[in-house]
Amino acid sequence: MNKKYIAGGVVGALLLTVGIGYAAGWPPFERRGIISADNVCKHLGPGNEAAAALNSILPASEKYSLMDGPTNPRTDYGSYASSCFVEGDGDLLLSVRAELMMHESQKSWFQSVRDHDFPDDSTTPFAAGDGGFQSPLAAAIFVPCVADGKIPGGQHNLSVKVRLTTAMKGSSAEDEANLRRLAIAASNYAHKQARCDLPAKLDGSLE
């Protein structure tokens, strides 16, 4: 008889713990929010595709918010910059930045990107622009933009970066592809907004 009471007490305690965990959102009961197409920054291309990519790669949060950062329109002197930020429960999760810059070699550009945005050695190249690079933390693309002779300083290129605050751990091939897709979409957007006249060498979609 005592064993029945003990067993019942254990079951009751277990159910109580489960109930508290569910209410508090403890693992594995996290209540994850969903990013909808209507809330996606315009920098990230088609809303449905960008939302799917973000929902795939971002860590779980109850509430997400996406904000367009300051934009410096393209000028005749080669100035352009745009940005987008994604927060989850008030913490920055992902940033998207595009900047028009004076001509430099792809090697020099990547050295700067690697120092600031790819702190580990797990960087792999992918075909986009004049060079795309990816790690579990970020994806960056070097995009041709303005031909030599159009604005002072020679040819200008776009540096486009999508960076996570926390690197993806154990990411799947699909997660890695989604990070690249976001970088390509952001590059397409910046290429149009910066009124580039050189071919972007991008595939034109999130696919």
C-alpha atoms as a PDB file:
ATOM      1  CA  MET A   1       0.000   0.000   0.000  1.00  0.00           C
ATOM      2  CA  ASN A   2       2.798   2.348   0.903  1.00  0.00           C
ATOM      3  CA  LYS A   3       4.444   1.597  -2.422  1.00  0.00           C
ATOM      4  CA  LYS A   4       1.285   2.749  -4.210  1.00  0.00           C
ATOM      5  CA  TYR A   5       1.275   5.996  -2.283  1.00  0.00           C
ATOM      6  CA  ILE A   6       4.962   6.513  -3.023  1.00  0.00           C
ATOM      7  CA  ALA A   7       4.469   5.765  -6.716  1.00  0.00           C
ATOM      8  CA  GLY A   8       1.501   8.107  -6.832  1.00  0.00           C
ATOM      9  CA  GLY A   9       3.527  10.800  -5.137  1.00  0.00           C
ATOM     10  CA  VAL A  10       6.371  10.409  -7.615  1.00  0.00           C
ATOM     11  CA  VAL A  11       3.973  10.605 -10.563  1.00  0.00           C
ATOM     12  CA  GLY A  12       2.286  13.633  -9.065  1.00  0.00           C
ATOM     13  CA  ALA A  13       5.611  15.374  -8.499  1.00  0.00           C
ATOM     14  CA  LEU A  14       6.660  14.551 -12.043  1.00  0.00           C
ATOM     15  CA  LEU A  15       3.454  15.949 -13.495  1.00  0.00           C
ATOM     16  CA  LEU A  16       3.825  19.069 -11.371  1.00  0.00           C
ATOM     17  CA  THR A  17       7.377  19.553 -12.606  1.00  0.00           C
ATOM     18  CA  VAL A  18       6.268  19.075 -16.202  1.00  0.00           C
ATOM     19  CA  GLY A  19       3.460  21.583 -15.721  1.00  0.00           C
ATOM     20  CA  ILE A  20       5.796  24.161 -14.210  1.00  0.00           C
ATOM     21  CA  GLY A  21       8.330  23.584 -16.968  1.00  0.00           C
ATOM     22  CA  TYR A  22       5.679  24.061 -19.633  1.00  0.00           C
ATOM     23  CA  ALA A  23       4.369  27.229 -18.025  1.00  0.00           C
ATOM     24  CA  ALA A  24       7.870  28.640 -17.577  1.00  0.00           C
ATOM     25  CA  GLY A  25       9.039  27.660 -21.029  1.00  0.00           C
ATOM     26  CA  TRP A  26      11.857  25.446 -19.765  1.00  0.00           C
ATOM     27  CA  PRO A  27      13.454  22.996 -22.224  1.00  0.00           C
ATOM     28  CA  PRO A  28      11.988  21.119 -23.989  1.00  0.00           C
ATOM     29  CA  PHE A  29       8.902  23.334 -23.661  1.00  0.00           C
ATOM     30  CA  GLU A  30      10.339  26.582 -25.077  1.00  0.00           C
ATOM     31  CA  ARG A  31       7.645  28.712 -26.651  1.00  0.00           C
ATOM     32  CA  ARG A  32       9.206  29.827 -29.910  1.00  0.00           C
ATOM     33  CA  GLY A  33       7.911  32.793 -31.818  1.00  0.00           C
ATOM     34  CA  ILE A  34       7.564  32.810 -35.579  1.00  0.00           C
ATOM     35  CA  ILE A  35       8.865  35.479 -37.963  1.00  0.00           C
ATOM     36  CA  SER A  36       6.219  36.253 -40.555  1.00  0.00           C
ATOM     37  CA  ALA A  37       6.766  37.484 -44.094  1.00  0.00           C
ATOM     38  CA  ASP A  38       5.142  40.820 -43.208  1.00  0.00           C
ATOM     39  CA  ASN A  39       7.799  41.563 -40.585  1.00  0.00           C
ATOM     40  CA  VAL A  40      10.919  40.889 -42.665  1.00  0.00           C
ATOM     41  CA  CYS A  41      13.282  43.778 -43.447  1.00  0.00           C
ATOM     42  CA  LYS A  42      13.103  44.800 -47.080  1.00  0.00           C
ATOM     43  CA  HIS A  43      16.877  44.233 -47.246  1.00  0.00           C
ATOM     44  CA  LEU A  44      16.314  40.467 -47.125  1.00  0.00           C
ATOM     45  CA  GLY A  45      14.335  40.010 -50.306  1.00  0.00           C
ATOM     46  CA  PRO A  46      11.042  38.111 -50.775  1.00  0.00           C
ATOM     47  CA  GLY A  47       9.285  38.002 -47.417  1.00  0.00           C
ATOM     48  CA  ASN A  48       8.155  34.371 -47.407  1.00  0.00           C
ATOM     49  CA  GLU A  49      11.572  33.022 -48.373  1.00  0.00           C
ATOM     50  CA  ALA A  50      13.489  35.303 -46.022  1.00  0.00           C
ATOM     51  CA  ALA A  51      11.156  34.483 -43.111  1.00  0.00           C
ATOM     52  CA  ALA A  52      11.625  30.751 -43.693  1.00  0.00           C
ATOM     53  CA  ALA A  53      15.409  31.182 -43.738  1.00  0.00           C
ATOM     54  CA  LEU A  54      15.406  33.239 -40.528  1.00  0.00           C
ATOM     55  CA  ASN A  55      13.113  30.822 -38.702  1.00  0.00           C
ATOM     56  CA  SER A  56      15.535  28.054 -39.656  1.00  0.00           C
ATOM     57  CA  ILE A  57      18.804  29.571 -38.452  1.00  0.00           C
ATOM     58  CA  LEU A  58      17.879  31.781 -35.485  1.00  0.00           C
ATOM     59  CA  PRO A  59      17.947  30.496 -31.900  1.00  0.00           C
ATOM     60  CA  ALA A  60      14.587  30.068 -30.169  1.00  0.00           C
ATOM     61  CA  SER A  61      12.950  33.216 -28.774  1.00  0.00           C
ATOM     62  CA  GLU A  62       9.402  33.917 -27.673  1.00  0.00           C
ATOM     63  CA  LYS A  63       9.284  37.189 -29.592  1.00  0.00           C
ATOM     64  CA  TYR A  64      11.303  38.394 -32.571  1.00  0.00           C
ATOM     65  CA  SER A  65      11.586  41.935 -33.859  1.00  0.00           C
ATOM     66  CA  LEU A  66      13.176  43.112 -37.112  1.00  0.00           C
ATOM     67  CA  MET A  67      14.308  46.671 -37.651  1.00  0.00           C
ATOM     68  CA  ASP A  68      15.710  48.545 -40.621  1.00  0.00           C
ATOM     69  CA  GLY A  69      18.802  50.436 -39.560  1.00  0.00           C
ATOM     70  CA  PRO A  70      19.897  53.831 -40.901  1.00  0.00           C
ATOM     71  CA  THR A  71      20.343  54.001 -44.670  1.00  0.00           C
ATOM     72  CA  ASN A  72      22.771  56.314 -46.437  1.00  0.00           C
ATOM     73  CA  PRO A  73      21.452  56.720 -50.005  1.00  0.00           C
ATOM     74  CA  ARG A  74      23.855  56.429 -52.924  1.00  0.00           C
ATOM     75  CA  THR A  75      25.570  59.706 -53.720  1.00  0.00           C
ATOM     76  CA  ASP A  76      27.670  60.841 -56.664  1.00  0.00           C
ATOM     77  CA  TYR A  77      30.727  60.474 -54.469  1.00  0.00           C
ATOM     78  CA  GLY A  78      30.288  56.793 -53.746  1.00  0.00           C
ATOM     79  CA  SER A  79      28.499  56.762 -50.408  1.00  0.00           C
ATOM     80  CA  TYR A  80      25.932  54.036 -49.683  1.00  0.00           C
ATOM     81  CA  ALA A  81      25.154  51.975 -46.595  1.00  0.00           C
ATOM     82  CA  SER A  82      22.169  50.050 -45.289  1.00  0.00           C
ATOM     83  CA  SER A  83      21.449  47.676 -42.439  1.00  0.00           C
ATOM     84  CA  CYS A  84      18.858  45.443 -40.797  1.00  0.00           C
ATOM     85  CA  PHE A  85      18.812  43.969 -37.294  1.00  0.00           C
ATOM     86  CA  VAL A  86      16.950  40.993 -35.831  1.00  0.00           C
ATOM     87  CA  GLU A  87      16.333  40.760 -32.097  1.00  0.00           C
ATOM     88  CA  GLY A  88      14.903  37.931 -30.023  1.00  0.00           C
ATOM     89  CA  ASP A  89      13.450  38.738 -26.599  1.00  0.00           C
ATOM     90  CA  GLY A  90      15.374  42.010 -26.651  1.00  0.00           C
ATOM     91  CA  ASP A  91      18.766  40.542 -27.565  1.00  0.00           C
ATOM     92  CA  LEU A  92      20.481  41.102 -30.913  1.00  0.00           C
ATOM     93  CA  LEU A  93      20.545  37.818 -32.841  1.00  0.00           C
ATOM     94  CA  LEU A  94      21.502  38.800 -36.378  1.00  0.00           C
ATOM     95  CA  SER A  95      22.709  41.853 -38.284  1.00  0.00           C
ATOM     96  CA  VAL A  96      22.771  42.593 -42.006  1.00  0.00           C
ATOM     97  CA  ARG A  97      25.051  45.324 -43.319  1.00  0.00           C
ATOM     98  CA  ALA A  98      25.889  46.549 -46.808  1.00  0.00           C
ATOM     99  CA  GLU A  99      28.441  49.248 -47.586  1.00  0.00           C
ATOM    100  CA  LEU A 100      29.778  50.724 -50.805  1.00  0.00           C
ATOM    101  CA  MET A 101      33.544  51.083 -50.720  1.00  0.00           C
ATOM    102  CA  MET A 102      36.393  52.166 -52.966  1.00  0.00           C
ATOM    103  CA  HIS A 103      38.137  49.523 -54.998  1.00  0.00           C
ATOM    104  CA  GLU A 104      40.341  47.022 -53.248  1.00  0.00           C
ATOM    105  CA  SER A 105      41.318  43.476 -54.054  1.00  0.00           C
ATOM    106  CA  GLN A 106      39.097  40.609 -53.054  1.00  0.00           C
ATOM    107  CA  LYS A 107      41.992  39.258 -51.000  1.00  0.00           C
ATOM    108  CA  SER A 108      42.340  42.508 -49.052  1.00  0.00           C
ATOM    109  CA  TRP A 109      38.573  42.710 -48.496  1.00  0.00           C
ATOM    110  CA  PHE A 110      38.382  39.145 -47.241  1.00  0.00           C
ATOM    111  CA  GLN A 111      41.293  39.698 -44.859  1.00  0.00           C
ATOM    112  CA  SER A 112      39.339  42.537 -43.239  1.00  0.00           C
ATOM    113  CA  VAL A 113      36.123  40.496 -43.156  1.00  0.00           C
ATOM    114  CA  ARG A 114      37.880  37.492 -41.662  1.00  0.00           C
ATOM    115  CA  ASP A 115      39.471  39.577 -38.917  1.00  0.00           C
ATOM    116  CA  HIS A 116      36.166  41.130 -37.880  1.00  0.00           C
ATOM    117  CA  ASP A 117      33.446  38.633 -38.774  1.00  0.00           C
ATOM    118  CA  PHE A 118      35.058  35.208 -39.127  1.00  0.00           C
ATOM    119  CA  PRO A 119      37.062  34.758 -35.920  1.00  0.00           C
ATOM    120  CA  ASP A 120      37.633  31.028 -36.446  1.00  0.00           C
ATOM    121  CA  ASP A 121      39.151  28.974 -39.234  1.00  0.00           C
ATOM    122  CA  SER A 122      35.954  27.254 -40.367  1.00  0.00           C
ATOM    123  CA  THR A 123      35.436  29.540 -43.365  1.00  0.00           C
ATOM    124  CA  THR A 124      34.364  28.099 -46.706  1.00  0.00           C
ATOM    125  CA  PRO A 125      33.958  29.935 -50.035  1.00  0.00           C
ATOM    126  CA  PHE A 126      30.814  29.914 -52.154  1.00  0.00           C
ATOM    127  CA  ALA A 127      30.030  31.274 -55.607  1.00  0.00           C
ATOM    128  CA  ALA A 128      28.505  34.769 -55.364  1.00  0.00           C
ATOM    129  CA  GLY A 129      29.654  38.178 -56.556  1.00  0.00           C
ATOM    130  CA  ASP A 130      33.431  38.385 -56.819  1.00  0.00           C
ATOM    131  CA  GLY A 131      33.696  36.130 -53.777  1.00  0.00           C
ATOM    132  CA  GLY A 132      31.426  34.715 -51.095  1.00  0.00           C
ATOM    133  CA  PHE A 133      32.582  33.284 -47.764  1.00  0.00           C
ATOM    134  CA  GLN A 134      30.732  31.542 -44.970  1.00  0.00           C
ATOM    135  CA  SER A 135      31.284  30.199 -41.475  1.00  0.00           C
ATOM    136  CA  PRO A 136      28.849  29.050 -38.750  1.00  0.00           C
ATOM    137  CA  LEU A 137      28.781  32.697 -37.643  1.00  0.00           C
ATOM    138  CA  ALA A 138      28.427  34.731 -40.840  1.00  0.00           C
ATOM    139  CA  ALA A 139      28.171  34.945 -44.620  1.00  0.00           C
ATOM    140  CA  ALA A 140      29.786  37.748 -46.621  1.00  0.00           C
ATOM    141  CA  ILE A 141      29.840  38.651 -50.313  1.00  0.00           C
ATOM    142  CA  PHE A 142      32.104  40.983 -52.292  1.00  0.00           C
ATOM    143  CA  VAL A 143      29.810  42.471 -54.949  1.00  0.00           C
ATOM    144  CA  PRO A 144      30.935  44.505 -58.004  1.00  0.00           C
ATOM    145  CA  CYS A 145      29.009  47.776 -58.139  1.00  0.00           C
ATOM    146  CA  VAL A 146      30.245  50.955 -59.874  1.00  0.00           C
ATOM    147  CA  ALA A 147      32.643  50.906 -62.823  1.00  0.00           C
ATOM    148  CA  ASP A 148      35.862  52.888 -62.875  1.00  0.00           C
ATOM    149  CA  GLY A 149      35.367  56.456 -64.087  1.00  0.00           C
ATOM    150  CA  LYS A 150      31.794  56.836 -62.814  1.00  0.00           C
ATOM    151  CA  ILE A 151      32.624  58.248 -59.383  1.00  0.00           C
ATOM    152  CA  PRO A 152      35.904  59.473 -57.851  1.00  0.00           C
ATOM    153  CA  GLY A 153      38.245  56.784 -56.575  1.00  0.00           C
ATOM    154  CA  GLY A 154      37.968  54.166 -59.283  1.00  0.00           C
ATOM    155  CA  GLN A 155      35.771  51.084 -59.212  1.00  0.00           C
ATOM    156  CA  HIS A 156      33.533  50.700 -56.164  1.00  0.00           C
ATOM    157  CA  ASN A 157      32.286  47.436 -54.685  1.00  0.00           C
ATOM    158  CA  LEU A 158      29.730  46.429 -52.088  1.00  0.00           C
ATOM    159  CA  SER A 159      30.664  44.601 -48.921  1.00  0.00           C
ATOM    160  CA  VAL A 160      27.588  42.692 -47.726  1.00  0.00           C
ATOM    161  CA  LYS A 161      27.590  40.762 -44.454  1.00  0.00           C
ATOM    162  CA  VAL A 162      24.996  38.716 -42.592  1.00  0.00           C
ATOM    163  CA  ARG A 163      26.264  37.960 -39.099  1.00  0.00           C
ATOM    164  CA  LEU A 164      24.805  35.949 -36.242  1.00  0.00           C
ATOM    165  CA  THR A 165      25.566  36.973 -32.664  1.00  0.00           C
ATOM    166  CA  THR A 166      26.073  33.321 -31.730  1.00  0.00           C
ATOM    167  CA  ALA A 167      27.521  30.824 -34.189  1.00  0.00           C
ATOM    168  CA  MET A 168      25.287  27.999 -35.364  1.00  0.00           C
ATOM    169  CA  LYS A 169      26.267  24.772 -33.612  1.00  0.00           C
ATOM    170  CA  GLY A 170      25.767  21.475 -35.348  1.00  0.00           C
ATOM    171  CA  SER A 171      24.134  23.339 -38.205  1.00  0.00           C
ATOM    172  CA  SER A 172      22.607  21.329 -41.006  1.00  0.00           C
ATOM    173  CA  ALA A 173      23.384  21.769 -44.687  1.00  0.00           C
ATOM    174  CA  GLU A 174      19.991  23.480 -45.006  1.00  0.00           C
ATOM    175  CA  ASP A 175      20.832  25.981 -42.252  1.00  0.00           C
ATOM    176  CA  GLU A 176      24.103  26.807 -43.969  1.00  0.00           C
ATOM    177  CA  ALA A 177      22.274  27.230 -47.279  1.00  0.00           C
ATOM    178  CA  ASN A 178      19.746  29.543 -45.617  1.00  0.00           C
ATOM    179  CA  LEU A 179      22.528  31.775 -44.298  1.00  0.00           C
ATOM    180  CA  ARG A 180      23.954  32.034 -47.820  1.00  0.00           C
ATOM    181  CA  ARG A 181      20.490  32.766 -49.235  1.00  0.00           C
ATOM    182  CA  LEU A 182      20.039  35.682 -46.861  1.00  0.00           C
ATOM    183  CA  ALA A 183      23.429  37.106 -47.853  1.00  0.00           C
ATOM    184  CA  ILE A 184      22.589  36.764 -51.557  1.00  0.00           C
ATOM    185  CA  ALA A 185      19.189  38.409 -51.076  1.00  0.00           C
ATOM    186  CA  ALA A 186      20.769  41.291 -49.117  1.00  0.00           C
ATOM    187  CA  SER A 187      23.365  41.683 -51.872  1.00  0.00           C
ATOM    188  CA  ASN A 188      20.682  41.863 -54.552  1.00  0.00           C
ATOM    189  CA  TYR A 189      18.830  44.535 -52.592  1.00  0.00           C
ATOM    190  CA  ALA A 190      21.952  46.617 -51.978  1.00  0.00           C
ATOM    191  CA  HIS A 191      23.054  46.273 -55.611  1.00  0.00           C
ATOM    192  CA  LYS A 192      19.768  47.827 -56.768  1.00  0.00           C
ATOM    193  CA  GLN A 193      19.602  50.505 -54.077  1.00  0.00           C
ATOM    194  CA  ALA A 194      23.199  51.593 -54.682  1.00  0.00           C
ATOM    195  CA  ARG A 195      22.400  52.015 -58.408  1.00  0.00           C
ATOM    196  CA  CYS A 196      25.236  49.702 -59.417  1.00  0.00           C
ATOM    197  CA  ASP A 197      26.119  49.447 -63.102  1.00  0.00           C
ATOM    198  CA  LEU A 198      28.436  46.425 -62.947  1.00  0.00           C
ATOM    199  CA  PRO A 199      26.907  42.911 -63.050  1.00  0.00           C
ATOM    200  CA  ALA A 200      26.334  41.649 -59.511  1.00  0.00           C
ATOM    201  CA  LYS A 201      27.181  38.037 -60.429  1.00  0.00           C
ATOM    202  CA  LEU A 202      24.346  36.879 -58.164  1.00  0.00           C
ATOM    203  CA  ASP A 203      21.623  34.420 -59.016  1.00  0.00           C
ATOM    204  CA  GLY A 204      18.830  36.933 -58.397  1.00  0.00           C
ATOM    205  CA  SER A 205      16.843  34.940 -55.847  1.00  0.00           C
ATOM    206  CA  LEU A 206      17.016  33.177 -52.513  1.00  0.00           C
ATOM    207  CA  GLU A 207      17.237  29.821 -54.224  1.00  0.00           C
END
